């Protein structure tokens, strides 16, 4: 992560007091810790996206099957109605 001792020493060499340098490094460390994503965070997010993608793909596939069944039923009904009309005339 960050080398707190190194940064503290650099700030001290820039004429910060030891307390100022330590406080500055602590604040920066806290900001980084709270606001930056770690490799683990990114890996977990990637895993979750992959899971959602699989779920979404499965739902699309199921919807496609349902639409195919409905279209087939509608086609069969239309043929039945057409055949009945032809017999009437």
Protein backbone atom coordinates (compact mmCIF):
# COMPACT_ATOMS: atom_id res chain seq x y z
CA UNK A 1 0.00 0.00 0.00
CA UNK A 2 1.75 3.18 1.09
CA UNK A 3 5.08 3.50 2.87
CA UNK A 4 4.04 5.75 5.76
CA UNK A 5 7.57 6.05 7.17
CA UNK A 6 8.99 7.10 3.80
CA UNK A 7 6.33 9.77 3.27
CA UNK A 8 6.64 11.01 6.83
CA UNK A 9 10.39 11.41 6.33
CA UNK A 10 9.86 13.25 3.04
CA UNK A 11 7.45 15.66 4.69
CA UNK A 12 9.88 16.19 7.57
CA UNK A 13 12.65 16.95 5.09
CA UNK A 14 10.29 19.57 3.60
CA UNK A 15 10.23 21.19 7.07
CA UNK A 16 7.02 19.70 8.41
CA UNK A 17 7.18 18.94 12.10
CA UNK A 18 7.09 15.26 12.98
CA UNK A 19 3.52 15.62 14.24
CA UNK A 20 2.42 17.46 11.07
CA UNK A 21 4.05 14.85 8.84
CA UNK A 22 2.50 11.95 10.74
CA UNK A 23 -0.94 13.58 10.75
CA UNK A 24 -0.73 14.36 7.03
CA UNK A 25 0.27 10.81 6.16
CA UNK A 26 -2.46 9.38 8.42
CA UNK A 27 -5.11 11.59 6.76
CA UNK A 28 -3.92 10.62 3.27
CA UNK A 29 -3.86 6.95 4.24
CA UNK A 30 -7.42 7.15 5.59
CA UNK A 31 -8.63 8.89 2.41
CA UNK A 32 -7.00 6.27 0.22
CA UNK A 33 -8.30 3.41 2.34
CA UNK A 34 -11.88 4.69 2.22
CA UNK A 35 -12.08 5.85 -1.40
CA UNK A 36 -9.95 3.59 -3.55
CA UNK A 37 -10.92 0.12 -4.70
CA UNK A 38 -8.51 -2.67 -3.94
CA UNK A 39 -7.75 -5.55 -6.28
CA UNK A 40 -9.98 -7.67 -4.04
CA UNK A 41 -12.84 -5.17 -4.41
CA UNK A 42 -12.47 -5.19 -8.19
CA UNK A 43 -12.29 -9.00 -8.28
CA UNK A 44 -15.47 -9.29 -6.19
CA UNK A 45 -17.25 -6.77 -8.42
CA UNK A 46 -16.13 -8.64 -11.54
CA UNK A 47 -17.40 -11.90 -10.03
CA UNK A 48 -20.78 -10.32 -9.22
CA UNK A 49 -21.09 -8.86 -12.72
CA UNK A 50 -20.34 -12.29 -14.18
CA UNK A 51 -23.03 -13.88 -11.97
CA UNK A 52 -25.57 -11.25 -13.04
CA UNK A 53 -24.62 -11.72 -16.69
CA UNK A 54 -25.24 -15.48 -16.41
CA UNK A 55 -28.57 -14.87 -14.67
CA UNK A 56 -29.60 -12.31 -17.30
CA UNK A 57 -28.60 -14.65 -20.14
CA UNK A 58 -30.64 -17.44 -18.57
CA UNK A 59 -33.68 -15.17 -18.24
CA UNK A 60 -33.38 -14.12 -21.89
CA UNK A 61 -33.17 -17.77 -22.92
CA UNK A 62 -36.28 -18.62 -20.86
CA UNK A 63 -38.14 -15.67 -22.40
CA UNK A 64 -37.17 -16.88 -25.87
CA UNK A 65 -38.59 -20.33 -25.13
CA UNK A 66 -41.82 -18.84 -23.80
CA UNK A 67 -42.18 -16.64 -26.89
CA UNK A 68 -41.58 -19.63 -29.16
CA UNK A 69 -44.28 -21.63 -27.37
CA UNK A 70 -46.73 -18.72 -27.53
CA UNK A 71 -46.01 -18.13 -31.22
CA UNK A 72 -46.50 -21.84 -31.93
CA UNK A 73 -49.82 -21.86 -30.06
CA UNK A 74 -50.99 -18.76 -31.91
CA UNK A 75 -49.99 -20.29 -35.25
CA UNK A 76 -51.82 -23.54 -34.44
CA UNK A 77 -54.91 -21.56 -33.43
CA UNK A 78 -54.76 -19.48 -36.62
CA UNK A 79 -54.50 -22.63 -38.75
CA UNK A 80 -57.42 -24.20 -36.89
CA UNK A 81 -59.55 -21.09 -37.39
CA UNK A 82 -58.57 -20.88 -41.08
CA UNK A 83 -59.38 -24.56 -41.61
CA UNK A 84 -62.77 -24.09 -39.94
CA UNK A 85 -63.54 -21.09 -42.12
CA UNK A 86 -62.58 -23.00 -45.26
CA UNK A 87 -64.94 -25.84 -44.30
CA UNK A 88 -67.78 -23.35 -43.77
CA UNK A 89 -67.44 -21.86 -47.22
